C-alpha cells in the first residue's frame, strides 16, 4: 500500500497579541487598527502579548499629557508599559491615541484618518518593543521602522525619514516637523 501524500497549505501563524480597543471617539477605526496591529506584531515578534489601545479626545489626552509628561495640551500618542519580563521588555502595555489630533494631521497631510491613527498606534507599539526616539539617531531609526512596517502592511510610508527629506538641522537633529510630536 502506498500512503497518499496530501498537499497541505502551511498553517498561517497567528499573532499571539491580544489587542483590546476602547474608544471615546473614533470607534469606527477599531477593527482596522486591531487587524493591522496584530499583523505588525507578527512581523516584529516581540515578547509583547497584551496591548490596550485607547482612542481618546483632546481633553482626556491633554489631562494625560499634563499628568505624565508635565506638558500642557494634547499630543498625538502616549505609551505606557504595564508589565515587563525578566529582561525588561514589555509583555503588556497601553497606547493612548488622540483621535482629534489624528483628524487634524490627516487633513493637513492628505492621509486618511485611519492611517494616521495607525501611524500613532504603531509608534506606541514600537516604544513597547524597545524603540525610542530621544536622540536624533534613535528618532531616525524609529521612524524608519514605522515607515518600513507601514510599507509591509500595504499602507505605504506616512512619516518619511528626516534624512530622506533633508529636514535635519545644522546640529544633526531633526527639525520640527509634522511628526515631531510623536513621542
N, C-alpha and C. Protein backbone atom coordinates (compact mmCIF):
# COMPACT_ATOMS: atom_id res chain seq x y z
N UNK A 1 0.85 -1.18 0.00
CA UNK A 1 0.00 0.00 0.00
C UNK A 1 0.88 1.23 0.00
N UNK A 2 0.49 2.16 -0.76
CA UNK A 2 1.19 3.45 -0.81
C UNK A 2 0.37 4.48 -0.05
N UNK A 3 1.02 5.15 0.81
CA UNK A 3 0.34 6.22 1.55
C UNK A 3 0.16 7.41 0.62
N UNK A 4 -0.98 7.93 0.64
CA UNK A 4 -1.25 9.09 -0.19
C UNK A 4 -0.78 10.34 0.54
N UNK A 5 0.01 11.12 -0.13
CA UNK A 5 0.51 12.36 0.46
C UNK A 5 -0.41 13.48 0.03
N UNK A 6 -0.94 14.14 1.00
CA UNK A 6 -1.81 15.26 0.71
C UNK A 6 -1.02 16.54 0.82
N UNK A 7 -1.18 17.37 -0.17
CA UNK A 7 -0.51 18.67 -0.05
C UNK A 7 -1.37 19.55 0.84
N UNK A 8 -0.73 20.08 1.81
CA UNK A 8 -1.44 20.95 2.73
C UNK A 8 -0.81 22.32 2.68
N UNK A 9 -1.65 23.28 2.75
CA UNK A 9 -1.13 24.65 2.85
C UNK A 9 -0.52 24.82 4.23
N UNK A 10 0.62 25.48 4.29
CA UNK A 10 1.18 25.72 5.63
C UNK A 10 0.21 26.57 6.44
N UNK A 11 0.09 26.23 7.69
CA UNK A 11 -0.79 27.00 8.56
C UNK A 11 -0.20 28.36 8.79
N UNK A 12 -1.05 29.35 8.67
CA UNK A 12 -0.60 30.71 8.94
C UNK A 12 -0.43 30.90 10.42
N UNK A 13 0.70 31.37 10.81
CA UNK A 13 0.95 31.60 12.23
C UNK A 13 0.18 32.84 12.68
N UNK A 14 -0.63 32.64 13.66
CA UNK A 14 -1.41 33.75 14.19
C UNK A 14 -0.57 34.58 15.15
N UNK A 15 -0.82 35.86 15.15
CA UNK A 15 -0.15 36.73 16.10
C UNK A 15 -0.61 36.36 17.50
N UNK A 16 0.30 36.32 18.41
CA UNK A 16 -0.03 35.98 19.78
C UNK A 16 -0.37 37.22 20.59
N UNK A 17 -0.70 38.30 19.92
CA UNK A 17 -1.01 39.54 20.59
C UNK A 17 -2.52 39.65 20.83
N UNK A 18 -2.86 39.89 22.08
CA UNK A 18 -4.25 40.16 22.42
C UNK A 18 -4.42 41.68 22.43
N UNK A 19 -5.29 42.18 21.58
CA UNK A 19 -5.49 43.63 21.44
C UNK A 19 -6.90 43.99 21.90
N UNK A 20 -6.98 44.93 22.83
CA UNK A 20 -8.28 45.47 23.21
C UNK A 20 -8.28 46.95 22.87
N UNK A 21 -9.40 47.40 22.35
CA UNK A 21 -9.51 48.80 21.94
C UNK A 21 -10.72 49.41 22.63
N UNK A 22 -10.48 50.52 23.32
CA UNK A 22 -11.58 51.29 23.88
C UNK A 22 -11.60 52.62 23.14
N UNK A 23 -12.80 53.09 22.87
CA UNK A 23 -12.91 54.29 22.04
C UNK A 23 -13.93 55.26 22.61
N UNK A 24 -13.43 56.41 23.05
CA UNK A 24 -14.31 57.52 23.41
C UNK A 24 -14.76 58.22 22.13
N UNK A 25 -13.91 58.14 21.11
CA UNK A 25 -14.23 58.64 19.78
C UNK A 25 -13.43 57.79 18.79
N UNK A 26 -13.76 57.83 17.53
CA UNK A 26 -13.02 57.06 16.53
C UNK A 26 -13.30 55.57 16.55
N UNK A 27 -14.43 55.18 17.14
CA UNK A 27 -14.78 53.76 17.27
C UNK A 27 -14.78 53.02 15.93
N UNK A 28 -15.13 53.71 14.86
CA UNK A 28 -15.21 53.08 13.54
C UNK A 28 -13.87 52.54 13.05
N UNK A 29 -12.78 53.00 13.63
CA UNK A 29 -11.45 52.57 13.19
C UNK A 29 -10.89 51.40 13.99
N UNK A 30 -11.63 50.93 14.98
CA UNK A 30 -11.13 49.89 15.87
C UNK A 30 -10.78 48.58 15.18
N UNK A 31 -11.63 48.10 14.31
CA UNK A 31 -11.38 46.82 13.64
C UNK A 31 -10.11 46.91 12.78
N UNK A 32 -9.98 48.00 12.03
CA UNK A 32 -8.80 48.22 11.19
C UNK A 32 -7.53 48.26 12.03
N UNK A 33 -7.55 49.03 13.11
CA UNK A 33 -6.38 49.14 13.97
C UNK A 33 -6.00 47.79 14.58
N UNK A 34 -6.98 47.06 15.08
CA UNK A 34 -6.71 45.76 15.69
C UNK A 34 -6.04 44.82 14.68
N UNK A 35 -6.60 44.75 13.49
CA UNK A 35 -6.06 43.86 12.46
C UNK A 35 -4.63 44.25 12.09
N UNK A 36 -4.40 45.54 11.87
CA UNK A 36 -3.07 45.99 11.45
C UNK A 36 -2.04 45.86 12.57
N UNK A 37 -2.44 46.11 13.79
CA UNK A 37 -1.52 45.95 14.92
C UNK A 37 -1.13 44.48 15.12
N UNK A 38 -2.06 43.58 14.93
CA UNK A 38 -1.73 42.15 15.02
C UNK A 38 -0.77 41.75 13.91
N UNK A 39 -1.01 42.27 12.72
CA UNK A 39 -0.10 41.97 11.60
C UNK A 39 1.29 42.53 11.87
N UNK A 40 1.36 43.76 12.38
CA UNK A 40 2.65 44.37 12.69
C UNK A 40 3.36 43.57 13.79
N UNK A 41 2.63 43.14 14.79
CA UNK A 41 3.19 42.33 15.87
C UNK A 41 3.78 41.04 15.31
N UNK A 42 3.09 40.41 14.39
CA UNK A 42 3.59 39.16 13.78
C UNK A 42 4.89 39.41 13.03
N UNK A 43 5.05 40.59 12.44
CA UNK A 43 6.28 40.93 11.73
C UNK A 43 7.42 41.22 12.72
N UNK A 44 7.10 41.88 13.82
CA UNK A 44 8.11 42.27 14.80
C UNK A 44 8.51 41.13 15.73
N UNK A 45 7.56 40.30 16.09
CA UNK A 45 7.75 39.18 17.02
C UNK A 45 8.36 39.58 18.37
N UNK A 46 7.82 40.60 19.01
CA UNK A 46 8.33 40.99 20.32
C UNK A 46 7.70 40.12 21.41
N UNK A 47 8.19 40.22 22.65
CA UNK A 47 7.59 39.47 23.75
C UNK A 47 6.22 40.02 24.16
N UNK A 48 5.83 41.17 23.65
CA UNK A 48 4.54 41.79 23.98
C UNK A 48 3.39 40.83 23.66
N UNK A 49 2.51 40.61 24.62
CA UNK A 49 1.39 39.68 24.44
C UNK A 49 0.03 40.34 24.61
N UNK A 50 -0.01 41.48 25.30
CA UNK A 50 -1.28 42.18 25.51
C UNK A 50 -1.09 43.65 25.23
N UNK A 51 -1.99 44.18 24.41
CA UNK A 51 -1.94 45.59 24.06
C UNK A 51 -3.33 46.19 24.19
N UNK A 52 -3.41 47.25 24.93
CA UNK A 52 -4.64 48.01 25.06
C UNK A 52 -4.44 49.32 24.30
N UNK A 53 -5.38 49.64 23.43
CA UNK A 53 -5.34 50.89 22.69
C UNK A 53 -6.55 51.70 23.10
N UNK A 54 -6.31 52.91 23.57
CA UNK A 54 -7.40 53.81 23.95
C UNK A 54 -7.45 54.96 22.95
N UNK A 55 -8.59 55.11 22.29
CA UNK A 55 -8.81 56.22 21.37
C UNK A 55 -9.56 57.30 22.15
N UNK A 56 -8.92 58.44 22.33
CA UNK A 56 -9.47 59.47 23.20
C UNK A 56 -9.57 60.81 22.49
N UNK A 57 -10.25 61.74 23.14
CA UNK A 57 -10.39 63.10 22.63
C UNK A 57 -9.33 64.02 23.19
N UNK A 58 -9.38 65.27 22.77
CA UNK A 58 -8.39 66.27 23.19
C UNK A 58 -8.32 66.45 24.70
N UNK A 59 -9.47 66.53 25.35
CA UNK A 59 -9.48 66.80 26.79
C UNK A 59 -8.79 65.70 27.58
N UNK A 60 -9.14 64.44 27.28
CA UNK A 60 -8.52 63.34 28.02
C UNK A 60 -7.02 63.25 27.70
N UNK A 61 -6.66 63.46 26.43
CA UNK A 61 -5.24 63.41 26.08
C UNK A 61 -4.49 64.54 26.76
N UNK A 62 -5.08 65.73 26.80
CA UNK A 62 -4.43 66.85 27.49
C UNK A 62 -4.20 66.54 28.96
N UNK A 63 -5.20 65.94 29.61
CA UNK A 63 -5.07 65.56 31.02
C UNK A 63 -3.93 64.57 31.22
N UNK A 64 -3.86 63.55 30.37
CA UNK A 64 -2.80 62.55 30.48
C UNK A 64 -1.44 63.15 30.17
N UNK A 65 -1.36 64.00 29.17
CA UNK A 65 -0.11 64.63 28.76
C UNK A 65 0.44 65.49 29.91
N UNK A 66 -0.44 66.23 30.55
CA UNK A 66 -0.05 67.07 31.69
C UNK A 66 0.38 66.19 32.87
N UNK A 67 -0.41 65.17 33.15
CA UNK A 67 -0.15 64.32 34.32
C UNK A 67 1.15 63.52 34.20
N UNK A 68 1.41 62.95 33.03
CA UNK A 68 2.56 62.06 32.90
C UNK A 68 3.79 62.69 32.27
N UNK A 69 3.61 63.77 31.52
CA UNK A 69 4.75 64.39 30.85
C UNK A 69 4.98 65.83 31.31
N UNK A 70 4.06 66.35 32.12
CA UNK A 70 4.10 67.74 32.59
C UNK A 70 4.14 68.74 31.44
N UNK A 71 3.38 68.42 30.39
CA UNK A 71 3.27 69.30 29.22
C UNK A 71 1.80 69.59 29.00
N UNK A 72 1.48 70.87 28.89
CA UNK A 72 0.08 71.27 28.69
C UNK A 72 -0.36 70.99 27.26
N UNK A 73 -1.64 70.67 27.10
CA UNK A 73 -2.22 70.48 25.78
C UNK A 73 -2.15 69.04 25.31
N UNK A 74 -2.92 68.74 24.27
CA UNK A 74 -2.94 67.36 23.76
C UNK A 74 -1.66 67.03 22.99
N UNK A 75 -1.42 65.75 22.84
CA UNK A 75 -0.36 65.24 21.97
C UNK A 75 -0.99 64.13 21.14
N UNK A 76 -0.25 63.56 20.23
CA UNK A 76 -0.83 62.55 19.35
C UNK A 76 -0.90 61.17 19.98
N UNK A 77 0.15 60.77 20.73
CA UNK A 77 0.19 59.42 21.28
C UNK A 77 1.03 59.38 22.55
N UNK A 78 0.56 58.60 23.51
CA UNK A 78 1.32 58.31 24.73
C UNK A 78 1.36 56.80 24.90
N UNK A 79 2.48 56.30 25.42
CA UNK A 79 2.68 54.87 25.56
C UNK A 79 3.02 54.54 27.01
N UNK A 80 2.40 53.48 27.51
CA UNK A 80 2.61 53.07 28.88
C UNK A 80 2.89 51.57 28.96
N UNK A 81 4.14 51.17 29.24
CA UNK A 81 4.38 49.76 29.50
C UNK A 81 3.71 49.40 30.82
N UNK A 82 3.01 48.28 30.86
CA UNK A 82 2.28 47.90 32.06
C UNK A 82 2.94 46.74 32.81
N UNK A 83 3.51 45.81 32.08
CA UNK A 83 4.17 44.66 32.70
C UNK A 83 5.41 44.32 31.88
N UNK A 84 6.51 44.04 32.59
CA UNK A 84 7.77 43.74 31.93
C UNK A 84 8.19 42.30 32.22
N UNK A 85 8.97 41.72 31.31
CA UNK A 85 9.52 40.40 31.56
C UNK A 85 10.85 40.52 32.30
N UNK A 86 11.50 39.40 32.55
CA UNK A 86 12.76 39.42 33.32
C UNK A 86 13.89 40.15 32.61
N UNK A 87 13.76 40.34 31.30
CA UNK A 87 14.78 41.07 30.54
C UNK A 87 14.46 42.56 30.42
N UNK A 88 13.37 42.99 31.04
CA UNK A 88 12.98 44.39 30.99
C UNK A 88 12.21 44.78 29.75
N UNK A 89 11.68 43.81 29.03
CA UNK A 89 10.89 44.10 27.83
C UNK A 89 9.40 44.01 28.16
N UNK A 90 8.62 44.86 27.54
CA UNK A 90 7.18 44.90 27.82
C UNK A 90 6.48 43.65 27.32
N UNK A 91 5.65 43.07 28.19
CA UNK A 91 4.79 41.96 27.79
C UNK A 91 3.33 42.42 27.73
N UNK A 92 3.06 43.58 28.33
CA UNK A 92 1.75 44.20 28.18
C UNK A 92 1.94 45.71 28.26
N UNK A 93 1.05 46.41 27.56
CA UNK A 93 1.16 47.86 27.55
C UNK A 93 -0.09 48.51 27.00
N UNK A 94 -0.12 49.82 27.16
CA UNK A 94 -1.25 50.60 26.67
C UNK A 94 -0.73 51.74 25.81
N UNK A 95 -1.44 51.97 24.71
CA UNK A 95 -1.15 53.08 23.81
C UNK A 95 -2.41 53.95 23.77
N UNK A 96 -2.23 55.23 24.09
CA UNK A 96 -3.35 56.17 24.07
C UNK A 96 -3.16 57.08 22.86
N UNK A 97 -4.18 57.12 22.01
CA UNK A 97 -4.12 57.86 20.76
C UNK A 97 -5.19 58.95 20.76
N UNK A 98 -4.80 60.15 20.36
CA UNK A 98 -5.71 61.28 20.30
C UNK A 98 -6.36 61.37 18.91
N UNK A 99 -7.63 61.02 18.84
CA UNK A 99 -8.35 60.99 17.56
C UNK A 99 -8.47 62.37 16.93
N UNK A 100 -8.83 63.43 17.67
CA UNK A 100 -8.90 64.75 17.03
C UNK A 100 -7.56 65.20 16.45
N UNK A 101 -6.46 64.87 17.13
CA UNK A 101 -5.13 65.21 16.59
C UNK A 101 -4.89 64.47 15.29
N UNK A 102 -5.27 63.20 15.24
CA UNK A 102 -5.12 62.42 14.01
C UNK A 102 -5.97 63.03 12.89
N UNK A 103 -7.16 63.46 13.22
CA UNK A 103 -8.02 64.10 12.20
C UNK A 103 -7.37 65.37 11.66
N UNK A 104 -6.84 66.19 12.58
CA UNK A 104 -6.18 67.43 12.14
C UNK A 104 -4.99 67.14 11.25
N UNK A 105 -4.13 66.24 11.70
CA UNK A 105 -2.90 65.92 10.95
C UNK A 105 -3.22 65.24 9.62
N UNK A 106 -4.18 64.33 9.63
CA UNK A 106 -4.55 63.65 8.39
C UNK A 106 -5.01 64.66 7.35
N UNK A 107 -5.82 65.62 7.79
CA UNK A 107 -6.29 66.66 6.87
C UNK A 107 -5.17 67.52 6.34
N UNK A 108 -4.22 67.84 7.19
CA UNK A 108 -3.08 68.67 6.78
C UNK A 108 -2.19 67.98 5.77
N UNK A 109 -2.08 66.66 5.86
CA UNK A 109 -1.09 65.93 5.07
C UNK A 109 -1.68 64.95 4.08
N UNK A 110 -2.98 64.99 3.89
CA UNK A 110 -3.60 64.17 2.86
C UNK A 110 -3.64 62.68 3.16
N UNK A 111 -3.61 62.31 4.43
CA UNK A 111 -3.73 60.91 4.81
C UNK A 111 -5.15 60.63 5.25
N UNK A 112 -5.52 59.36 5.24
CA UNK A 112 -6.80 59.00 5.83
C UNK A 112 -6.65 59.05 7.35
N UNK A 113 -7.74 59.30 8.03
CA UNK A 113 -7.72 59.31 9.50
C UNK A 113 -7.32 57.93 10.01
N UNK A 114 -7.82 56.89 9.38
CA UNK A 114 -7.49 55.53 9.81
C UNK A 114 -5.98 55.29 9.76
N UNK A 115 -5.33 55.72 8.70
CA UNK A 115 -3.89 55.50 8.59
C UNK A 115 -3.09 56.40 9.53
N UNK A 116 -3.58 57.59 9.78
CA UNK A 116 -2.91 58.47 10.76
C UNK A 116 -3.00 57.84 12.15
N UNK A 117 -4.17 57.30 12.50
CA UNK A 117 -4.34 56.61 13.77
C UNK A 117 -3.42 55.38 13.83
N UNK A 118 -3.32 54.68 12.72
CA UNK A 118 -2.44 53.51 12.67
C UNK A 118 -0.99 53.93 12.90
N UNK A 119 -0.56 55.02 12.29
CA UNK A 119 0.80 55.51 12.50
C UNK A 119 1.06 55.75 13.98
N UNK A 120 0.13 56.41 14.66
CA UNK A 120 0.30 56.70 16.08
C UNK A 120 0.33 55.41 16.90
N UNK A 121 -0.58 54.48 16.58
CA UNK A 121 -0.63 53.22 17.32
C UNK A 121 0.65 52.40 17.09
N UNK A 122 1.15 52.40 15.86
CA UNK A 122 2.42 51.69 15.58
C UNK A 122 3.58 52.35 16.32
N UNK A 123 3.54 53.66 16.41
CA UNK A 123 4.58 54.37 17.15
C UNK A 123 4.60 53.87 18.61
N UNK A 124 3.43 53.78 19.21
CA UNK A 124 3.33 53.26 20.57
C UNK A 124 3.78 51.82 20.66
N UNK A 125 3.37 51.00 19.70
CA UNK A 125 3.79 49.60 19.68
C UNK A 125 5.31 49.49 19.62
N UNK A 126 5.94 50.30 18.79
CA UNK A 126 7.40 50.26 18.69
C UNK A 126 8.06 50.69 20.01
N UNK A 127 7.49 51.68 20.69
CA UNK A 127 8.02 52.04 22.01
C UNK A 127 7.97 50.83 22.94
N UNK A 128 6.86 50.11 22.92
CA UNK A 128 6.72 48.93 23.77
C UNK A 128 7.67 47.80 23.36
N UNK A 129 8.14 47.84 22.13
CA UNK A 129 9.09 46.84 21.63
C UNK A 129 10.54 47.26 21.87
N UNK A 130 10.73 48.40 22.55
CA UNK A 130 12.08 48.82 22.91
C UNK A 130 12.65 49.95 22.08
N UNK A 131 11.91 50.44 21.09
CA UNK A 131 12.39 51.57 20.30
C UNK A 131 12.24 52.85 21.11
N UNK A 132 13.09 53.81 20.81
CA UNK A 132 12.99 55.12 21.44
C UNK A 132 13.31 56.18 20.40
N UNK A 133 12.98 57.40 20.69
CA UNK A 133 13.21 58.48 19.73
C UNK A 133 13.72 59.75 20.42
N UNK A 134 14.50 59.57 21.47
CA UNK A 134 15.00 60.72 22.23
C UNK A 134 16.21 61.38 21.61
N UNK A 135 17.05 60.61 20.93
CA UNK A 135 18.20 61.22 20.25
C UNK A 135 17.90 61.27 18.75
N UNK A 136 18.68 62.05 18.02
CA UNK A 136 18.48 62.17 16.58
C UNK A 136 18.61 60.81 15.89
N UNK A 137 19.58 60.02 16.32
CA UNK A 137 19.80 58.70 15.71
C UNK A 137 18.63 57.76 16.02
N UNK A 138 18.19 57.73 17.29
CA UNK A 138 17.04 56.89 17.67
C UNK A 138 15.78 57.33 16.93
N UNK A 139 15.61 58.64 16.81
CA UNK A 139 14.47 59.21 16.10
C UNK A 139 14.44 58.67 14.67
N UNK A 140 15.57 58.73 14.00
CA UNK A 140 15.65 58.27 12.61
C UNK A 140 15.37 56.78 12.51
N UNK A 141 15.96 55.99 13.38
CA UNK A 141 15.76 54.54 13.36
C UNK A 141 14.29 54.19 13.61
N UNK A 142 13.71 54.82 14.62
CA UNK A 142 12.33 54.50 14.97
C UNK A 142 11.36 54.87 13.85
N UNK A 143 11.53 56.05 13.29
CA UNK A 143 10.59 56.48 12.25
C UNK A 143 10.82 55.75 10.93
N UNK A 144 12.02 55.31 10.69
CA UNK A 144 12.27 54.45 9.53
C UNK A 144 11.57 53.11 9.74
N UNK A 145 11.60 52.60 10.98
CA UNK A 145 10.91 51.35 11.30
C UNK A 145 9.40 51.50 11.11
N UNK A 146 8.86 52.66 11.48
CA UNK A 146 7.43 52.91 11.26
C UNK A 146 7.09 52.81 9.78
N UNK A 147 7.84 53.53 8.97
CA UNK A 147 7.56 53.52 7.53
C UNK A 147 7.77 52.14 6.93
N UNK A 148 8.78 51.41 7.41
CA UNK A 148 9.00 50.05 6.92
C UNK A 148 7.80 49.17 7.26
N UNK A 149 7.33 49.24 8.49
CA UNK A 149 6.14 48.46 8.88
C UNK A 149 4.92 48.86 8.06
N UNK A 150 4.72 50.15 7.89
CA UNK A 150 3.57 50.62 7.10
C UNK A 150 3.65 50.10 5.67
N UNK A 151 4.84 50.07 5.10
CA UNK A 151 5.00 49.52 3.74
C UNK A 151 4.71 48.03 3.73
N UNK A 152 5.21 47.31 4.71
CA UNK A 152 4.98 45.87 4.78
C UNK A 152 3.51 45.53 5.03
N UNK A 153 2.79 46.46 5.63
CA UNK A 153 1.35 46.27 5.86
C UNK A 153 0.52 46.69 4.64
N UNK A 154 1.19 47.24 3.63
CA UNK A 154 0.49 47.65 2.41
C UNK A 154 -0.06 49.06 2.45
N UNK A 155 0.29 49.83 3.47
CA UNK A 155 -0.20 51.20 3.60
C UNK A 155 0.71 52.18 2.87
N UNK A 156 2.01 51.96 2.98
CA UNK A 156 2.99 52.88 2.41
C UNK A 156 3.49 53.83 3.47
N UNK A 157 4.61 54.51 3.20
CA UNK A 157 5.21 55.38 4.22
C UNK A 157 4.33 56.60 4.50
N UNK A 158 4.21 56.93 5.78
CA UNK A 158 3.45 58.11 6.19
C UNK A 158 4.33 59.13 6.88
N UNK A 159 5.43 58.67 7.42
CA UNK A 159 6.28 59.57 8.18
C UNK A 159 7.33 60.22 7.31
N UNK A 160 8.14 59.43 6.68
CA UNK A 160 9.23 59.95 5.87
C UNK A 160 10.44 60.21 6.73
N UNK A 161 11.55 59.58 6.41
CA UNK A 161 12.78 59.73 7.17
C UNK A 161 13.31 61.14 7.06
N UNK A 162 13.75 61.74 8.17
CA UNK A 162 14.29 63.08 8.10
C UNK A 162 15.47 63.19 7.14
N UNK A 163 16.26 62.13 7.02
CA UNK A 163 17.42 62.20 6.13
C UNK A 163 16.98 62.17 4.68
N UNK A 164 15.87 61.52 4.38
CA UNK A 164 15.37 61.49 3.01
C UNK A 164 14.82 62.85 2.60
N UNK A 165 14.24 63.55 3.55
CA UNK A 165 13.62 64.82 3.22
C UNK A 165 14.56 65.99 3.45
N UNK A 166 15.74 65.70 3.98
CA UNK A 166 16.70 66.77 4.22
C UNK A 166 16.28 67.69 5.35
N UNK A 167 15.51 67.17 6.30
CA UNK A 167 14.98 68.03 7.35
C UNK A 167 15.77 67.94 8.65
N UNK A 168 17.08 67.75 8.55
CA UNK A 168 17.92 67.81 9.74
C UNK A 168 18.44 69.22 9.92
N UNK A 169 18.51 69.67 11.16
CA UNK A 169 19.06 71.00 11.40
C UNK A 169 20.59 70.94 11.35
N UNK A 170 21.26 72.02 11.53
CA UNK A 170 22.71 72.07 11.44
C UNK A 170 23.43 71.26 12.49
N UNK A 171 22.74 70.81 13.53
CA UNK A 171 23.36 70.02 14.61
C UNK A 171 23.10 68.53 14.42
N UNK A 172 22.57 68.15 13.26
CA UNK A 172 22.31 66.74 13.00
C UNK A 172 21.05 66.21 13.65
N UNK A 173 20.20 67.10 14.15
CA UNK A 173 18.96 66.68 14.77
C UNK A 173 17.79 67.05 13.85
N UNK A 174 16.71 66.27 13.95
CA UNK A 174 15.57 66.57 13.10
C UNK A 174 15.01 67.96 13.40
N UNK A 175 14.68 68.68 12.33
CA UNK A 175 13.96 69.94 12.51
C UNK A 175 12.54 69.60 12.96
N UNK A 176 11.88 70.55 13.57
CA UNK A 176 10.49 70.35 13.93
C UNK A 176 9.72 70.03 12.66
N UNK A 177 8.96 68.97 12.68
CA UNK A 177 8.22 68.56 11.51
C UNK A 177 6.82 68.17 11.94
N UNK A 178 6.04 67.72 10.99
CA UNK A 178 4.67 67.31 11.29
C UNK A 178 4.64 66.16 12.28
N UNK A 179 5.70 65.37 12.38
CA UNK A 179 5.72 64.23 13.26
C UNK A 179 6.53 64.48 14.52
N UNK A 180 7.02 65.67 14.72
CA UNK A 180 7.87 65.95 15.87
C UNK A 180 7.17 65.58 17.18
N UNK A 181 5.84 65.67 17.20
CA UNK A 181 5.12 65.40 18.43
C UNK A 181 5.04 63.91 18.77
N UNK A 182 5.29 63.02 17.83
CA UNK A 182 5.21 61.58 18.13
C UNK A 182 6.25 61.22 19.16
N UNK A 183 5.85 60.95 20.36
CA UNK A 183 6.79 60.62 21.44
C UNK A 183 6.37 59.35 22.12
